[in-house]
Amino acid sequence: MTQQELGVTKQTSLAAQGACESVLTRGRGTGTPQQRQQKLAFGLKVAQCLRTHGFPTFPDPTGSSQALPRGIDPSSPQFETAQTTCEKQEQKALGLR
């Protein structure tokens, strides 16, 4: 689906991408296949966590740029808090913190 079909502006899409960089698989061509797989696994866990923290339509990362569904404001305090909580939780679970 395109941004327009989802009702998401390019500005919103770029803001979402910036807010979610840590859960998206940036640098798809960099790192070993194992590192890329670990990034994707981390992103999937964070996405699952975000869905349980008030964002039930938050999508799984696909490895390519994607827009957030309508109604998710990546700059809202609720989203920022959930994102931070989920990232810390998953980092701790993976022994990264």
PDB file of N, CA and C in Angstrom:
ATOM      1  N   MET A   1       0.838  -1.183   0.000  1.00  0.00           N
ATOM      2  CA  MET A   1       0.000   0.000   0.000  1.00  0.00           C
ATOM      3  C   MET A   1       0.878   1.241   0.000  1.00  0.00           C
ATOM      4  N   THR A   2       0.401   2.264  -0.628  1.00  0.00           N
ATOM      5  CA  THR A   2       1.134   3.517  -0.650  1.00  0.00           C
ATOM      6  C   THR A   2       0.753   4.358   0.558  1.00  0.00           C
ATOM      7  N   GLN A   3       1.561   5.384   0.798  1.00  0.00           N
ATOM      8  CA  GLN A   3       1.255   6.298   1.900  1.00  0.00           C
ATOM      9  C   GLN A   3      -0.123   6.908   1.709  1.00  0.00           C
ATOM     10  N   GLN A   4      -0.425   7.269   0.459  1.00  0.00           N
ATOM     11  CA  GLN A   4      -1.701   7.911   0.186  1.00  0.00           C
ATOM     12  C   GLN A   4      -2.858   6.953   0.471  1.00  0.00           C
ATOM     13  N   GLU A   5      -2.717   5.673   0.100  1.00  0.00           N
ATOM     14  CA  GLU A   5      -3.768   4.697   0.367  1.00  0.00           C
ATOM     15  C   GLU A   5      -3.979   4.497   1.860  1.00  0.00           C
ATOM     16  N   LEU A   6      -2.915   4.631   2.632  1.00  0.00           N
ATOM     17  CA  LEU A   6      -3.015   4.488   4.084  1.00  0.00           C
ATOM     18  C   LEU A   6      -3.479   5.773   4.758  1.00  0.00           C
ATOM     19  N   GLY A   7      -3.550   6.864   3.996  1.00  0.00           N
ATOM     20  CA  GLY A   7      -3.937   8.137   4.573  1.00  0.00           C
ATOM     21  C   GLY A   7      -2.838   8.765   5.399  1.00  0.00           C
ATOM     22  N   VAL A   8      -1.590   8.471   5.057  1.00  0.00           N
ATOM     23  CA  VAL A   8      -0.445   8.968   5.802  1.00  0.00           C
ATOM     24  C   VAL A   8       0.337   9.918   4.901  1.00  0.00           C
ATOM     25  N   THR A   9       0.644  11.079   5.421  1.00  0.00           N
ATOM     26  CA  THR A   9       1.426  12.035   4.649  1.00  0.00           C
ATOM     27  C   THR A   9       2.887  11.611   4.619  1.00  0.00           C
ATOM     28  N   LYS A  10       3.611  12.140   3.654  1.00  0.00           N
ATOM     29  CA  LYS A  10       5.043  11.837   3.573  1.00  0.00           C
ATOM     30  C   LYS A  10       5.740  12.324   4.846  1.00  0.00           C
ATOM     31  N   GLN A  11       5.337  13.476   5.360  1.00  0.00           N
ATOM     32  CA  GLN A  11       5.931  14.025   6.581  1.00  0.00           C
ATOM     33  C   GLN A  11       5.715  13.071   7.761  1.00  0.00           C
ATOM     34  N   THR A  12       4.506  12.539   7.885  1.00  0.00           N
ATOM     35  CA  THR A  12       4.214  11.591   8.959  1.00  0.00           C
ATOM     36  C   THR A  12       5.023  10.319   8.783  1.00  0.00           C
ATOM     37  N   SER A  13       5.112   9.862   7.557  1.00  0.00           N
ATOM     38  CA  SER A  13       5.885   8.658   7.276  1.00  0.00           C
ATOM     39  C   SER A  13       7.349   8.842   7.642  1.00  0.00           C
ATOM     40  N   LEU A  14       7.909   9.983   7.269  1.00  0.00           N
ATOM     41  CA  LEU A  14       9.313  10.243   7.594  1.00  0.00           C
ATOM     42  C   LEU A  14       9.519  10.370   9.099  1.00  0.00           C
ATOM     43  N   ALA A  15       8.553  10.984   9.779  1.00  0.00           N
ATOM     44  CA  ALA A  15       8.646  11.107  11.235  1.00  0.00           C
ATOM     45  C   ALA A  15       8.588   9.728  11.884  1.00  0.00           C
ATOM     46  N   ALA A  16       7.701   8.883  11.378  1.00  0.00           N
ATOM     47  CA  ALA A  16       7.580   7.529  11.925  1.00  0.00           C
ATOM     48  C   ALA A  16       8.857   6.732  11.688  1.00  0.00           C
ATOM     49  N   GLN A  17       9.386   6.858  10.499  1.00  0.00           N
ATOM     50  CA  GLN A  17      10.617   6.142  10.194  1.00  0.00           C
ATOM     51  C   GLN A  17      11.740   6.599  11.113  1.00  0.00           C
ATOM     52  N   GLY A  18      11.834   7.907  11.334  1.00  0.00           N
ATOM     53  CA  GLY A  18      12.861   8.424  12.227  1.00  0.00           C
ATOM     54  C   GLY A  18      12.665   7.950  13.652  1.00  0.00           C
ATOM     55  N   ALA A  19      11.406   7.924  14.092  1.00  0.00           N
ATOM     56  CA  ALA A  19      11.119   7.491  15.458  1.00  0.00           C
ATOM     57  C   ALA A  19      11.362   6.004  15.659  1.00  0.00           C
ATOM     58  N   CYS A  20      11.263   5.256  14.592  1.00  0.00           N
ATOM     59  CA  CYS A  20      11.361   3.796  14.705  1.00  0.00           C
ATOM     60  C   CYS A  20      12.655   3.234  14.136  1.00  0.00           C
ATOM     61  N   GLU A  21      13.626   4.083  13.889  1.00  0.00           N
ATOM     62  CA  GLU A  21      14.873   3.603  13.294  1.00  0.00           C
ATOM     63  C   GLU A  21      15.473   2.427  14.033  1.00  0.00           C
ATOM     64  N   SER A  22      15.376   2.459  15.339  1.00  0.00           N
ATOM     65  CA  SER A  22      16.013   1.389  16.107  1.00  0.00           C
ATOM     66  C   SER A  22      15.278   0.058  15.976  1.00  0.00           C
ATOM     67  N   VAL A  23      14.012   0.089  15.566  1.00  0.00           N
ATOM     68  CA  VAL A  23      13.295  -1.169  15.401  1.00  0.00           C
ATOM     69  C   VAL A  23      13.189  -1.605  13.954  1.00  0.00           C
ATOM     70  N   LEU A  24      13.575  -0.745  13.057  1.00  0.00           N
ATOM     71  CA  LEU A  24      13.597  -1.113  11.657  1.00  0.00           C
ATOM     72  C   LEU A  24      14.988  -1.600  11.294  1.00  0.00           C
ATOM     73  N   THR A  25      15.086  -2.392  10.288  1.00  0.00           N
ATOM     74  CA  THR A  25      16.386  -2.920   9.893  1.00  0.00           C
ATOM     75  C   THR A  25      17.070  -1.931   8.961  1.00  0.00           C
ATOM     76  N   ARG A  26      17.738  -0.978   9.573  1.00  0.00           N
ATOM     77  CA  ARG A  26      18.511   0.001   8.817  1.00  0.00           C
ATOM     78  C   ARG A  26      19.728  -0.689   8.245  1.00  0.00           C
ATOM     79  N   GLY A  27      20.277  -0.109   7.210  1.00  0.00           N
ATOM     80  CA  GLY A  27      21.514  -0.625   6.657  1.00  0.00           C
ATOM     81  C   GLY A  27      21.364  -2.059   6.195  1.00  0.00           C
ATOM     82  N   ARG A  28      20.330  -2.316   5.427  1.00  0.00           N
ATOM     83  CA  ARG A  28      20.047  -3.678   5.000  1.00  0.00           C
ATOM     84  C   ARG A  28      21.254  -4.337   4.343  1.00  0.00           C
ATOM     85  N   GLY A  29      22.093  -3.551   3.679  1.00  0.00           N
ATOM     86  CA  GLY A  29      23.233  -4.127   3.001  1.00  0.00           C
ATOM     87  C   GLY A  29      24.457  -4.234   3.892  1.00  0.00           C
ATOM     88  N   THR A  30      24.385  -3.787   5.115  1.00  0.00           N
ATOM     89  CA  THR A  30      25.551  -3.806   5.983  1.00  0.00           C
ATOM     90  C   THR A  30      25.416  -4.897   7.026  1.00  0.00           C
ATOM     91  N   GLY A  31      26.534  -5.325   7.530  1.00  0.00           N
ATOM     92  CA  GLY A  31      26.532  -6.364   8.550  1.00  0.00           C
ATOM     93  C   GLY A  31      26.429  -7.748   7.929  1.00  0.00           C
ATOM     94  N   THR A  32      26.678  -8.709   8.767  1.00  0.00           N
ATOM     95  CA  THR A  32      26.585 -10.090   8.320  1.00  0.00           C
ATOM     96  C   THR A  32      25.121 -10.508   8.250  1.00  0.00           C
ATOM     97  N   PRO A  33      24.823 -11.585   7.555  1.00  0.00           N
ATOM     98  CA  PRO A  33      23.436 -12.069   7.556  1.00  0.00           C
ATOM     99  C   PRO A  33      22.925 -12.331   8.972  1.00  0.00           C
ATOM    100  N   GLN A  34      23.797 -12.822   9.853  1.00  0.00           N
ATOM    101  CA  GLN A  34      23.396 -13.076  11.235  1.00  0.00           C
ATOM    102  C   GLN A  34      23.057 -11.764  11.949  1.00  0.00           C
ATOM    103  N   GLN A  35      23.853 -10.709  11.728  1.00  0.00           N
ATOM    104  CA  GLN A  35      23.577  -9.408  12.353  1.00  0.00           C
ATOM    105  C   GLN A  35      22.266  -8.833  11.843  1.00  0.00           C
ATOM    106  N   ARG A  36      22.027  -8.950  10.546  1.00  0.00           N
ATOM    107  CA  ARG A  36      20.769  -8.447   9.980  1.00  0.00           C
ATOM    108  C   ARG A  36      19.578  -9.226  10.550  1.00  0.00           C
ATOM    109  N   GLN A  37      19.753 -10.530  10.729  1.00  0.00           N
ATOM    110  CA  GLN A  37      18.689 -11.357  11.298  1.00  0.00           C
ATOM    111  C   GLN A  37      18.425 -10.961  12.749  1.00  0.00           C
ATOM    112  N   GLN A  38      19.486 -10.673  13.498  1.00  0.00           N
ATOM    113  CA  GLN A  38      19.329 -10.255  14.889  1.00  0.00           C
ATOM    114  C   GLN A  38      18.601  -8.917  14.972  1.00  0.00           C
ATOM    115  N   LYS A  39      18.914  -7.980  14.075  1.00  0.00           N
ATOM    116  CA  LYS A  39      18.225  -6.686  14.060  1.00  0.00           C
ATOM    117  C   LYS A  39      16.746  -6.877  13.769  1.00  0.00           C
ATOM    118  N   LEU A  40      16.449  -7.742  12.807  1.00  0.00           N
ATOM    119  CA  LEU A  40      15.055  -7.976  12.460  1.00  0.00           C
ATOM    120  C   LEU A  40      14.319  -8.643  13.623  1.00  0.00           C
ATOM    121  N   ALA A  41      14.953  -9.611  14.278  1.00  0.00           N
ATOM    122  CA  ALA A  41      14.338 -10.281  15.427  1.00  0.00           C
ATOM    123  C   ALA A  41      14.070  -9.280  16.548  1.00  0.00           C
ATOM    124  N   PHE A  42      15.031  -8.376  16.799  1.00  0.00           N
ATOM    125  CA  PHE A  42      14.849  -7.344  17.809  1.00  0.00           C
ATOM    126  C   PHE A  42      13.665  -6.451  17.430  1.00  0.00           C
ATOM    127  N   GLY A  43      13.617  -6.029  16.171  1.00  0.00           N
ATOM    128  CA  GLY A  43      12.527  -5.185  15.694  1.00  0.00           C
ATOM    129  C   GLY A  43      11.173  -5.856  15.834  1.00  0.00           C
ATOM    130  N   LEU A  44      11.125  -7.153  15.560  1.00  0.00           N
ATOM    131  CA  LEU A  44       9.866  -7.889  15.705  1.00  0.00           C
ATOM    132  C   LEU A  44       9.412  -7.918  17.160  1.00  0.00           C
ATOM    133  N   LYS A  45      10.344  -8.147  18.071  1.00  0.00           N
ATOM    134  CA  LYS A  45      10.004  -8.174  19.499  1.00  0.00           C
ATOM    135  C   LYS A  45       9.520  -6.807  19.982  1.00  0.00           C
ATOM    136  N   VAL A  46      10.186  -5.754  19.531  1.00  0.00           N
ATOM    137  CA  VAL A  46       9.769  -4.403  19.932  1.00  0.00           C
ATOM    138  C   VAL A  46       8.392  -4.098  19.354  1.00  0.00           C
ATOM    139  N   ALA A  47       8.146  -4.490  18.108  1.00  0.00           N
ATOM    140  CA  ALA A  47       6.837  -4.254  17.492  1.00  0.00           C
ATOM    141  C   ALA A  47       5.742  -4.991  18.267  1.00  0.00           C
ATOM    142  N   GLN A  48       6.018  -6.238  18.655  1.00  0.00           N
ATOM    143  CA  GLN A  48       5.044  -7.000  19.451  1.00  0.00           C
ATOM    144  C   GLN A  48       4.775  -6.294  20.778  1.00  0.00           C
ATOM    145  N   CYS A  49       5.821  -5.809  21.402  1.00  0.00           N
ATOM    146  CA  CYS A  49       5.697  -5.100  22.673  1.00  0.00           C
ATOM    147  C   CYS A  49       4.867  -3.824  22.500  1.00  0.00           C
ATOM    148  N   LEU A  50       5.134  -3.074  21.435  1.00  0.00           N
ATOM    149  CA  LEU A  50       4.379  -1.841  21.200  1.00  0.00           C
ATOM    150  C   LEU A  50       2.890  -2.134  21.023  1.00  0.00           C
ATOM    151  N   ARG A  51       2.589  -3.257  20.393  1.00  0.00           N
ATOM    152  CA  ARG A  51       1.179  -3.619  20.220  1.00  0.00           C
ATOM    153  C   ARG A  51       0.508  -3.881  21.565  1.00  0.00           C
ATOM    154  N   THR A  52       1.257  -4.384  22.539  1.00  0.00           N
ATOM    155  CA  THR A  52       0.661  -4.644  23.857  1.00  0.00           C
ATOM    156  C   THR A  52       0.665  -3.402  24.740  1.00  0.00           C
ATOM    157  N   HIS A  53       1.353  -2.353  24.289  1.00  0.00           N
ATOM    158  CA  HIS A  53       1.429  -1.112  25.060  1.00  0.00           C
ATOM    159  C   HIS A  53       0.599   0.011  24.419  1.00  0.00           C
ATOM    160  N   GLY A  54      -0.516  -0.346  23.820  1.00  0.00           N
ATOM    161  CA  GLY A  54      -1.447   0.665  23.344  1.00  0.00           C
ATOM    162  C   GLY A  54      -1.418   0.962  21.862  1.00  0.00           C
ATOM    163  N   PHE A  55      -0.637   0.211  21.087  1.00  0.00           N
ATOM    164  CA  PHE A  55      -0.560   0.449  19.650  1.00  0.00           C
ATOM    165  C   PHE A  55      -0.824  -0.856  18.898  1.00  0.00           C
ATOM    166  N   PRO A  56      -2.078  -1.356  18.960  1.00  0.00           N
ATOM    167  CA  PRO A  56      -2.399  -2.674  18.414  1.00  0.00           C
ATOM    168  C   PRO A  56      -2.197  -2.807  16.909  1.00  0.00           C
ATOM    169  N   THR A  57      -2.107  -1.699  16.191  1.00  0.00           N
ATOM    170  CA  THR A  57      -1.915  -1.778  14.738  1.00  0.00           C
ATOM    171  C   THR A  57      -0.467  -1.534  14.318  1.00  0.00           C
ATOM    172  N   PHE A  58       0.453  -1.451  15.300  1.00  0.00           N
ATOM    173  CA  PHE A  58       1.854  -1.224  14.954  1.00  0.00           C
ATOM    174  C   PHE A  58       2.342  -2.410  14.133  1.00  0.00           C
ATOM    175  N   PRO A  59       2.913  -2.141  12.945  1.00  0.00           N
ATOM    176  CA  PRO A  59       3.308  -3.245  12.059  1.00  0.00           C
ATOM    177  C   PRO A  59       4.657  -3.857  12.419  1.00  0.00           C
ATOM    178  N   ASP A  60       4.845  -5.093  12.008  1.00  0.00           N
ATOM    179  CA  ASP A  60       6.153  -5.725  12.119  1.00  0.00           C
ATOM    180  C   ASP A  60       7.086  -5.063  11.108  1.00  0.00           C
ATOM    181  N   PRO A  61       8.373  -4.950  11.448  1.00  0.00           N
ATOM    182  CA  PRO A  61       9.323  -4.400  10.475  1.00  0.00           C
ATOM    183  C   PRO A  61       9.467  -5.358   9.304  1.00  0.00           C
ATOM    184  N   THR A  62       9.663  -4.787   8.134  1.00  0.00           N
ATOM    185  CA  THR A  62       9.781  -5.610   6.931  1.00  0.00           C
ATOM    186  C   THR A  62      11.167  -5.530   6.319  1.00  0.00           C
ATOM    187  N   GLY A  63      11.989  -4.647   6.821  1.00  0.00           N
ATOM    188  CA  GLY A  63      13.303  -4.458   6.224  1.00  0.00           C
ATOM    189  C   GLY A  63      13.304  -3.371   5.178  1.00  0.00           C
ATOM    190  N   SER A  64      12.138  -2.818   4.882  1.00  0.00           N
ATOM    191  CA  SER A  64      12.050  -1.692   3.962  1.00  0.00           C
ATOM    192  C   SER A  64      11.202  -0.616   4.617  1.00  0.00           C
ATOM    193  N   SER A  65      11.317   0.575   4.095  1.00  0.00           N
ATOM    194  CA  SER A  65      10.581   1.705   4.658  1.00  0.00           C
ATOM    195  C   SER A  65       9.080   1.438   4.595  1.00  0.00           C
ATOM    196  N   GLN A  66       8.385   1.771   5.660  1.00  0.00           N
ATOM    197  CA  GLN A  66       6.945   1.599   5.689  1.00  0.00           C
ATOM    198  C   GLN A  66       6.322   2.691   6.544  1.00  0.00           C
ATOM    199  N   ALA A  67       5.094   3.010   6.217  1.00  0.00           N
ATOM    200  CA  ALA A  67       4.381   4.042   6.955  1.00  0.00           C
ATOM    201  C   ALA A  67       3.654   3.411   8.133  1.00  0.00           C
ATOM    202  N   LEU A  68       3.496   4.188   9.184  1.00  0.00           N
ATOM    203  CA  LEU A  68       2.707   3.728  10.321  1.00  0.00           C
ATOM    204  C   LEU A  68       1.230   3.891  10.006  1.00  0.00           C
ATOM    205  N   PRO A  69       0.404   3.033  10.555  1.00  0.00           N
ATOM    206  CA  PRO A  69      -1.038   3.156  10.338  1.00  0.00           C
ATOM    207  C   PRO A  69      -1.570   4.464  10.906  1.00  0.00           C
ATOM    208  N   ARG A  70      -2.675   4.882  10.377  1.00  0.00           N
ATOM    209  CA  ARG A  70      -3.353   6.087  10.848  1.00  0.00           C
ATOM    210  C   ARG A  70      -3.614   5.968  12.342  1.00  0.00           C
ATOM    211  N   GLY A  71      -3.400   7.054  13.050  1.00  0.00           N
ATOM    212  CA  GLY A  71      -3.682   7.076  14.477  1.00  0.00           C
ATOM    213  C   GLY A  71      -2.466   6.869  15.358  1.00  0.00           C
ATOM    214  N   ILE A  72      -1.321   6.512  14.763  1.00  0.00           N
ATOM    215  CA  ILE A  72      -0.104   6.363  15.558  1.00  0.00           C
ATOM    216  C   ILE A  72       0.755   7.593  15.329  1.00  0.00           C
ATOM    217  N   ASP A  73       0.926   8.375  16.373  1.00  0.00           N
ATOM    218  CA  ASP A  73       1.753   9.577  16.306  1.00  0.00           C
ATOM    219  C   ASP A  73       3.087   9.262  16.978  1.00  0.00           C
ATOM    220  N   PRO A  74       4.151   9.073  16.179  1.00  0.00           N
ATOM    221  CA  PRO A  74       5.433   8.689  16.759  1.00  0.00           C
ATOM    222  C   PRO A  74       6.061   9.751  17.650  1.00  0.00           C
ATOM    223  N   SER A  75       5.543  10.959  17.610  1.00  0.00           N
ATOM    224  CA  SER A  75       6.094  12.008  18.468  1.00  0.00           C
ATOM    225  C   SER A  75       5.244  12.239  19.717  1.00  0.00           C
ATOM    226  N   SER A  76       4.178  11.438  19.882  1.00  0.00           N
ATOM    227  CA  SER A  76       3.340  11.593  21.070  1.00  0.00           C
ATOM    228  C   SER A  76       4.062  11.043  22.291  1.00  0.00           C
ATOM    229  N   PRO A  77       3.814  11.628  23.451  1.00  0.00           N
ATOM    230  CA  PRO A  77       4.441  11.118  24.679  1.00  0.00           C
ATOM    231  C   PRO A  77       4.110   9.650  24.933  1.00  0.00           C
ATOM    232  N   GLN A  78       2.879   9.232  24.629  1.00  0.00           N
ATOM    233  CA  GLN A  78       2.478   7.841  24.847  1.00  0.00           C
ATOM    234  C   GLN A  78       3.335   6.903  23.987  1.00  0.00           C
ATOM    235  N   PHE A  79       3.524   7.248  22.718  1.00  0.00           N
ATOM    236  CA  PHE A  79       4.324   6.392  21.839  1.00  0.00           C
ATOM    237  C   PHE A  79       5.779   6.390  22.272  1.00  0.00           C
ATOM    238  N   GLU A  80       6.323   7.562  22.561  1.00  0.00           N
ATOM    239  CA  GLU A  80       7.727   7.648  22.958  1.00  0.00           C
ATOM    240  C   GLU A  80       7.998   6.841  24.224  1.00  0.00           C
ATOM    241  N   THR A  81       7.084   6.903  25.180  1.00  0.00           N
ATOM    242  CA  THR A  81       7.233   6.132  26.415  1.00  0.00           C
ATOM    243  C   THR A  81       7.175   4.639  26.121  1.00  0.00           C
ATOM    244  N   ALA A  82       6.199   4.221  25.318  1.00  0.00           N
ATOM    245  CA  ALA A  82       6.064   2.802  24.976  1.00  0.00           C
ATOM    246  C   ALA A  82       7.289   2.313  24.213  1.00  0.00           C
ATOM    247  N   GLN A  83       7.765   3.110  23.267  1.00  0.00           N
ATOM    248  CA  GLN A  83       8.930   2.717  22.478  1.00  0.00           C
ATOM    249  C   GLN A  83      10.161   2.546  23.376  1.00  0.00           C
ATOM    250  N   THR A  84      10.395   3.500  24.253  1.00  0.00           N
ATOM    251  CA  THR A  84      11.535   3.416  25.169  1.00  0.00           C
ATOM    252  C   THR A  84      11.420   2.197  26.067  1.00  0.00           C
ATOM    253  N   THR A  85      10.242   1.983  26.631  1.00  0.00           N
ATOM    254  CA  THR A  85      10.009   0.827  27.501  1.00  0.00           C
ATOM    255  C   THR A  85      10.276  -0.474  26.757  1.00  0.00           C
ATOM    256  N   CYS A  86       9.734  -0.586  25.562  1.00  0.00           N
ATOM    257  CA  CYS A  86       9.875  -1.821  24.792  1.00  0.00           C
ATOM    258  C   CYS A  86      11.317  -2.061  24.359  1.00  0.00           C
ATOM    259  N   GLU A  87      11.997  -1.017  23.934  1.00  0.00           N
ATOM    260  CA  GLU A  87      13.390  -1.186  23.528  1.00  0.00           C
ATOM    261  C   GLU A  87      14.248  -1.626  24.709  1.00  0.00           C
ATOM    262  N   LYS A  88      14.056  -0.994  25.856  1.00  0.00           N
ATOM    263  CA  LYS A  88      14.837  -1.365  27.044  1.00  0.00           C
ATOM    264  C   LYS A  88      14.527  -2.798  27.466  1.00  0.00           C
ATOM    265  N   GLN A  89      13.262  -3.160  27.434  1.00  0.00           N
ATOM    266  CA  GLN A  89      12.837  -4.510  27.808  1.00  0.00           C
ATOM    267  C   GLN A  89      13.499  -5.545  26.908  1.00  0.00           C
ATOM    268  N   GLU A  90      13.498  -5.316  25.616  1.00  0.00           N
ATOM    269  CA  GLU A  90      14.066  -6.289  24.682  1.00  0.00           C
ATOM    270  C   GLU A  90      15.593  -6.301  24.740  1.00  0.00           C
ATOM    271  N   GLN A  91      16.197  -5.146  24.959  1.00  0.00           N
ATOM    272  CA  GLN A  91      17.649  -5.106  25.108  1.00  0.00           C
ATOM    273  C   GLN A  91      18.070  -5.908  26.336  1.00  0.00           C
ATOM    274  N   LYS A  92      17.330  -5.754  27.422  1.00  0.00           N
ATOM    275  CA  LYS A  92      17.629  -6.494  28.656  1.00  0.00           C
ATOM    276  C   LYS A  92      17.445  -7.994  28.424  1.00  0.00           C
ATOM    277  N   ALA A  93      16.364  -8.365  27.733  1.00  0.00           N
ATOM    278  CA  ALA A  93      16.088  -9.774  27.449  1.00  0.00           C
ATOM    279  C   ALA A  93      17.198 -10.398  26.604  1.00  0.00           C
ATOM    280  N   LEU A  94      17.812  -9.591  25.750  1.00  0.00           N
ATOM    281  CA  LEU A  94      18.885 -10.093  24.891  1.00  0.00           C
ATOM    282  C   LEU A  94      20.262  -9.947  25.537  1.00  0.00           C
ATOM    283  N   GLY A  95      20.290  -9.418  26.756  1.00  0.00           N
ATOM    284  CA  GLY A  95      21.558  -9.245  27.451  1.00  0.00           C
ATOM    285  C   GLY A  95      22.377  -8.081  26.939  1.00  0.00           C
ATOM    286  N   LEU A  96      21.715  -7.118  26.318  1.00  0.00           N
ATOM    287  CA  LEU A  96      22.414  -5.957  25.772  1.00  0.00           C
ATOM    288  C   LEU A  96      22.475  -4.807  26.767  1.00  0.00           C
ATOM    289  N   ARG A  97      21.784  -4.917  27.891  1.00  0.00           N
ATOM    290  CA  ARG A  97      21.759  -3.873  28.916  1.00  0.00           C
ATOM    291  C   ARG A  97      21.990  -4.471  30.248  1.00  0.00           C
TER     292      ARG A  97
END
